[in-house]
């Protein structure tokens, strides 16, 4: 199973990766400007994305990924509660920041 983590914080990405079982293949992307191409090339089963990215938001990125035909399970990491908009895009779960790992 493949997990793609997208976040500007390398510390957050590495902390989350360390918590995941070693049986998963985990790809980290801290270059949010190129996140779409990372996701499309990796084709993850699970996608962890932030709600806010420089120049875009995570839901816009998710919409683009889904329009490309990928349907990974999605964990949205949000600074604000955006449940209504997230439910429109069928986000599987939302974690509000700050959070304890």
N, C-alpha and C. Protein backbone atom coordinates (compact mmCIF):
# COMPACT_ATOMS: atom_id res chain seq x y z
N UNK A 1 0.85 -1.17 0.00
CA UNK A 1 0.00 0.00 0.00
C UNK A 1 0.91 1.24 0.00
N UNK A 2 0.53 2.25 -0.79
CA UNK A 2 1.35 3.45 -0.93
C UNK A 2 0.67 4.67 -0.30
N UNK A 3 1.47 5.44 0.44
CA UNK A 3 0.98 6.64 1.12
C UNK A 3 1.77 7.84 0.62
N UNK A 4 1.08 8.85 0.14
CA UNK A 4 1.70 10.12 -0.26
C UNK A 4 1.38 11.17 0.79
N UNK A 5 2.43 11.77 1.39
CA UNK A 5 2.25 12.85 2.35
C UNK A 5 2.72 14.14 1.68
N UNK A 6 1.83 15.12 1.65
CA UNK A 6 2.16 16.44 1.10
C UNK A 6 2.04 17.45 2.24
N UNK A 7 3.10 18.16 2.52
CA UNK A 7 3.06 19.21 3.53
C UNK A 7 4.32 20.06 3.39
N UNK A 8 4.22 21.34 3.70
CA UNK A 8 5.37 22.23 3.62
C UNK A 8 6.38 21.94 4.72
N UNK A 9 5.94 21.32 5.81
CA UNK A 9 6.80 21.05 6.95
C UNK A 9 7.45 19.67 6.81
N UNK A 10 8.75 19.67 6.59
CA UNK A 10 9.47 18.41 6.49
C UNK A 10 9.42 17.66 7.83
N UNK A 11 9.43 18.42 8.92
CA UNK A 11 9.35 17.82 10.25
C UNK A 11 8.03 17.06 10.43
N UNK A 12 6.91 17.67 10.02
CA UNK A 12 5.61 17.01 10.10
C UNK A 12 5.61 15.74 9.25
N UNK A 13 6.10 15.84 8.02
CA UNK A 13 6.12 14.69 7.11
C UNK A 13 6.93 13.53 7.70
N UNK A 14 8.12 13.84 8.20
CA UNK A 14 8.97 12.79 8.76
C UNK A 14 8.40 12.21 10.04
N UNK A 15 7.76 13.03 10.86
CA UNK A 15 7.13 12.54 12.09
C UNK A 15 5.99 11.58 11.76
N UNK A 16 5.17 11.95 10.79
CA UNK A 16 4.06 11.09 10.39
C UNK A 16 4.58 9.79 9.77
N UNK A 17 5.58 9.91 8.92
CA UNK A 17 6.15 8.70 8.29
C UNK A 17 6.68 7.74 9.34
N UNK A 18 7.33 8.26 10.39
CA UNK A 18 7.89 7.42 11.44
C UNK A 18 6.81 6.65 12.20
N UNK A 19 5.59 7.18 12.23
CA UNK A 19 4.49 6.51 12.93
C UNK A 19 3.82 5.43 12.10
N UNK A 20 4.05 5.44 10.80
CA UNK A 20 3.38 4.48 9.91
C UNK A 20 4.14 3.16 9.89
N UNK A 21 3.41 2.06 9.69
CA UNK A 21 4.08 0.76 9.64
C UNK A 21 5.10 0.69 8.51
N UNK A 22 6.18 -0.03 8.74
CA UNK A 22 7.23 -0.18 7.74
C UNK A 22 6.80 -0.94 6.50
N UNK A 23 5.64 -1.56 6.57
CA UNK A 23 5.14 -2.31 5.41
C UNK A 23 4.54 -1.39 4.34
N UNK A 24 4.34 -0.12 4.70
CA UNK A 24 3.80 0.85 3.74
C UNK A 24 4.94 1.52 2.97
N UNK A 25 4.69 1.83 1.72
CA UNK A 25 5.62 2.63 0.93
C UNK A 25 5.17 4.07 1.05
N UNK A 26 6.03 4.91 1.63
CA UNK A 26 5.65 6.30 1.92
C UNK A 26 6.50 7.25 1.09
N UNK A 27 5.83 8.16 0.40
CA UNK A 27 6.49 9.19 -0.38
C UNK A 27 6.16 10.54 0.25
N UNK A 28 7.18 11.36 0.47
CA UNK A 28 7.00 12.68 1.07
C UNK A 28 7.23 13.74 0.01
N UNK A 29 6.37 14.74 0.01
CA UNK A 29 6.53 15.88 -0.90
C UNK A 29 6.38 17.16 -0.09
N UNK A 30 7.48 17.91 0.06
CA UNK A 30 7.42 19.21 0.73
C UNK A 30 7.42 20.34 -0.28
N UNK A 31 7.54 20.00 -1.54
CA UNK A 31 7.49 20.99 -2.63
C UNK A 31 6.05 21.08 -3.12
N UNK A 32 5.28 21.89 -2.44
CA UNK A 32 3.83 21.93 -2.70
C UNK A 32 3.50 22.47 -4.09
N UNK A 33 4.42 23.21 -4.69
CA UNK A 33 4.18 23.72 -6.05
C UNK A 33 4.13 22.57 -7.06
N UNK A 34 4.83 21.48 -6.77
CA UNK A 34 4.87 20.33 -7.68
C UNK A 34 4.16 19.11 -7.11
N UNK A 35 3.31 19.32 -6.12
CA UNK A 35 2.64 18.20 -5.45
C UNK A 35 1.78 17.39 -6.41
N UNK A 36 1.09 18.05 -7.32
CA UNK A 36 0.22 17.34 -8.26
C UNK A 36 1.01 16.31 -9.06
N UNK A 37 2.15 16.70 -9.61
CA UNK A 37 2.93 15.76 -10.41
C UNK A 37 3.49 14.62 -9.55
N UNK A 38 3.86 14.91 -8.30
CA UNK A 38 4.31 13.84 -7.39
C UNK A 38 3.19 12.83 -7.17
N UNK A 39 2.00 13.31 -6.94
CA UNK A 39 0.86 12.42 -6.67
C UNK A 39 0.50 11.60 -7.90
N UNK A 40 0.44 12.24 -9.05
CA UNK A 40 0.07 11.55 -10.29
C UNK A 40 1.10 10.46 -10.63
N UNK A 41 2.37 10.76 -10.43
CA UNK A 41 3.42 9.77 -10.73
C UNK A 41 3.46 8.63 -9.72
N UNK A 42 3.20 8.92 -8.45
CA UNK A 42 3.28 7.92 -7.39
C UNK A 42 2.02 7.05 -7.31
N UNK A 43 0.86 7.63 -7.64
CA UNK A 43 -0.43 6.93 -7.59
C UNK A 43 -0.68 6.27 -6.22
N UNK A 44 -0.82 7.10 -5.18
CA UNK A 44 -0.97 6.55 -3.82
C UNK A 44 -2.35 5.94 -3.57
N UNK A 45 -2.38 5.03 -2.61
CA UNK A 45 -3.64 4.48 -2.12
C UNK A 45 -4.23 5.40 -1.06
N UNK A 46 -3.33 6.09 -0.33
CA UNK A 46 -3.72 7.03 0.73
C UNK A 46 -2.99 8.34 0.48
N UNK A 47 -3.72 9.44 0.58
CA UNK A 47 -3.15 10.76 0.35
C UNK A 47 -3.38 11.62 1.59
N UNK A 48 -2.29 12.15 2.15
CA UNK A 48 -2.36 13.06 3.29
C UNK A 48 -1.99 14.43 2.77
N UNK A 49 -2.94 15.37 2.81
CA UNK A 49 -2.69 16.71 2.28
C UNK A 49 -3.16 17.77 3.26
N UNK A 50 -2.50 18.94 3.23
CA UNK A 50 -2.95 20.05 4.07
C UNK A 50 -4.09 20.79 3.39
N UNK A 51 -4.90 21.46 4.20
CA UNK A 51 -5.99 22.24 3.62
C UNK A 51 -5.47 23.52 2.97
N UNK A 52 -4.30 23.99 3.40
CA UNK A 52 -3.74 25.23 2.86
C UNK A 52 -2.35 24.99 2.28
N UNK A 53 -2.16 25.39 1.05
CA UNK A 53 -0.88 25.29 0.36
C UNK A 53 -0.54 26.65 -0.24
N UNK A 54 0.73 26.94 -0.45
CA UNK A 54 1.07 28.20 -1.10
C UNK A 54 0.49 28.26 -2.52
N UNK A 55 -0.26 29.28 -2.81
CA UNK A 55 -0.81 29.45 -4.14
C UNK A 55 -2.11 28.70 -4.41
N UNK A 56 -2.44 27.72 -3.61
CA UNK A 56 -3.65 26.90 -3.78
C UNK A 56 -4.10 26.41 -2.41
N UNK A 57 -5.15 25.66 -2.41
CA UNK A 57 -5.48 24.95 -1.18
C UNK A 57 -5.51 23.46 -1.47
N UNK A 58 -5.45 22.68 -0.41
CA UNK A 58 -5.40 21.24 -0.56
C UNK A 58 -6.63 20.67 -1.24
N UNK A 59 -7.77 21.29 -1.05
CA UNK A 59 -8.99 20.79 -1.68
C UNK A 59 -8.97 21.02 -3.18
N UNK A 60 -8.36 22.11 -3.61
CA UNK A 60 -8.18 22.34 -5.05
C UNK A 60 -7.27 21.25 -5.63
N UNK A 61 -6.18 20.95 -4.90
CA UNK A 61 -5.27 19.89 -5.33
C UNK A 61 -6.00 18.55 -5.39
N UNK A 62 -6.80 18.26 -4.38
CA UNK A 62 -7.56 17.01 -4.36
C UNK A 62 -8.52 16.94 -5.54
N UNK A 63 -9.17 18.04 -5.84
CA UNK A 63 -10.09 18.08 -6.98
C UNK A 63 -9.34 17.78 -8.28
N UNK A 64 -8.14 18.34 -8.43
CA UNK A 64 -7.33 18.10 -9.63
C UNK A 64 -6.91 16.63 -9.71
N UNK A 65 -6.52 16.05 -8.58
CA UNK A 65 -6.12 14.64 -8.54
C UNK A 65 -7.29 13.75 -8.93
N UNK A 66 -8.46 14.04 -8.38
CA UNK A 66 -9.64 13.23 -8.70
C UNK A 66 -10.06 13.39 -10.17
N UNK A 67 -9.91 14.60 -10.71
CA UNK A 67 -10.28 14.80 -12.12
C UNK A 67 -9.32 14.04 -13.04
N UNK A 68 -8.13 13.72 -12.54
CA UNK A 68 -7.17 12.92 -13.30
C UNK A 68 -7.52 11.43 -13.24
N UNK A 69 -8.44 11.07 -12.36
CA UNK A 69 -8.90 9.69 -12.27
C UNK A 69 -8.38 8.91 -11.08
N UNK A 70 -7.57 9.53 -10.23
CA UNK A 70 -7.09 8.84 -9.03
C UNK A 70 -8.10 9.01 -7.91
N UNK A 71 -8.31 7.96 -7.14
CA UNK A 71 -9.27 7.97 -6.04
C UNK A 71 -8.66 7.43 -4.74
N UNK A 72 -7.58 8.04 -4.25
CA UNK A 72 -7.02 7.55 -3.00
C UNK A 72 -7.90 7.91 -1.81
N UNK A 73 -7.75 7.16 -0.72
CA UNK A 73 -8.36 7.57 0.54
C UNK A 73 -7.63 8.85 0.95
N UNK A 74 -8.36 9.80 1.55
CA UNK A 74 -7.78 11.11 1.82
C UNK A 74 -7.89 11.48 3.29
N UNK A 75 -6.75 11.90 3.86
CA UNK A 75 -6.71 12.49 5.18
C UNK A 75 -6.32 13.94 4.99
N UNK A 76 -7.19 14.85 5.35
CA UNK A 76 -6.96 16.28 5.20
C UNK A 76 -6.49 16.83 6.54
N UNK A 77 -5.35 17.53 6.53
CA UNK A 77 -4.82 18.17 7.73
C UNK A 77 -5.17 19.64 7.62
N UNK A 78 -6.02 20.13 8.54
CA UNK A 78 -6.58 21.48 8.41
C UNK A 78 -6.24 22.35 9.60
N UNK A 79 -6.11 23.65 9.33
CA UNK A 79 -5.94 24.63 10.39
C UNK A 79 -7.30 25.11 10.89
N UNK A 80 -8.29 25.04 10.02
CA UNK A 80 -9.65 25.46 10.35
C UNK A 80 -10.60 24.33 10.04
N UNK A 81 -11.74 24.34 10.66
CA UNK A 81 -12.73 23.33 10.38
C UNK A 81 -13.42 23.66 9.05
N UNK A 82 -13.18 22.84 8.04
CA UNK A 82 -13.74 23.07 6.71
C UNK A 82 -14.56 21.86 6.27
N UNK A 83 -15.27 21.28 7.22
CA UNK A 83 -15.98 20.02 6.96
C UNK A 83 -16.94 20.09 5.79
N UNK A 84 -17.68 21.19 5.66
CA UNK A 84 -18.68 21.26 4.60
C UNK A 84 -18.03 21.13 3.22
N UNK A 85 -16.99 21.90 2.99
CA UNK A 85 -16.32 21.84 1.70
C UNK A 85 -15.62 20.50 1.51
N UNK A 86 -15.03 19.98 2.56
CA UNK A 86 -14.34 18.70 2.48
C UNK A 86 -15.32 17.57 2.18
N UNK A 87 -16.50 17.63 2.73
CA UNK A 87 -17.47 16.56 2.48
C UNK A 87 -17.92 16.56 1.03
N UNK A 88 -17.93 17.71 0.38
CA UNK A 88 -18.28 17.77 -1.04
C UNK A 88 -17.29 16.96 -1.88
N UNK A 89 -16.03 16.95 -1.46
CA UNK A 89 -14.99 16.23 -2.19
C UNK A 89 -14.74 14.84 -1.62
N UNK A 90 -15.59 14.43 -0.70
CA UNK A 90 -15.52 13.08 -0.11
C UNK A 90 -14.17 12.81 0.54
N UNK A 91 -13.74 13.74 1.39
CA UNK A 91 -12.54 13.55 2.19
C UNK A 91 -12.86 12.50 3.24
N UNK A 92 -11.96 11.54 3.43
CA UNK A 92 -12.23 10.43 4.35
C UNK A 92 -12.11 10.82 5.81
N UNK A 93 -11.18 11.73 6.15
CA UNK A 93 -11.02 12.14 7.53
C UNK A 93 -10.31 13.48 7.56
N UNK A 94 -10.51 14.22 8.65
CA UNK A 94 -9.88 15.53 8.83
C UNK A 94 -9.20 15.55 10.19
N UNK A 95 -7.95 16.01 10.21
CA UNK A 95 -7.21 16.21 11.45
C UNK A 95 -6.96 17.71 11.57
N UNK A 96 -7.33 18.29 12.71
CA UNK A 96 -7.11 19.72 12.92
C UNK A 96 -5.75 19.94 13.55
N UNK A 97 -5.02 20.91 13.02
CA UNK A 97 -3.71 21.30 13.57
C UNK A 97 -3.91 22.40 14.57
N UNK A 98 -3.09 22.50 15.58
CA UNK A 98 -2.00 21.60 15.89
C UNK A 98 -2.52 20.28 16.44
N UNK A 99 -1.76 19.24 16.22
CA UNK A 99 -2.17 17.92 16.70
C UNK A 99 -0.96 17.19 17.27
N UNK A 100 -1.22 16.28 18.16
CA UNK A 100 -0.15 15.43 18.70
C UNK A 100 -0.01 14.22 17.80
N UNK A 101 1.21 13.86 17.52
CA UNK A 101 1.45 12.69 16.70
C UNK A 101 1.14 11.44 17.50
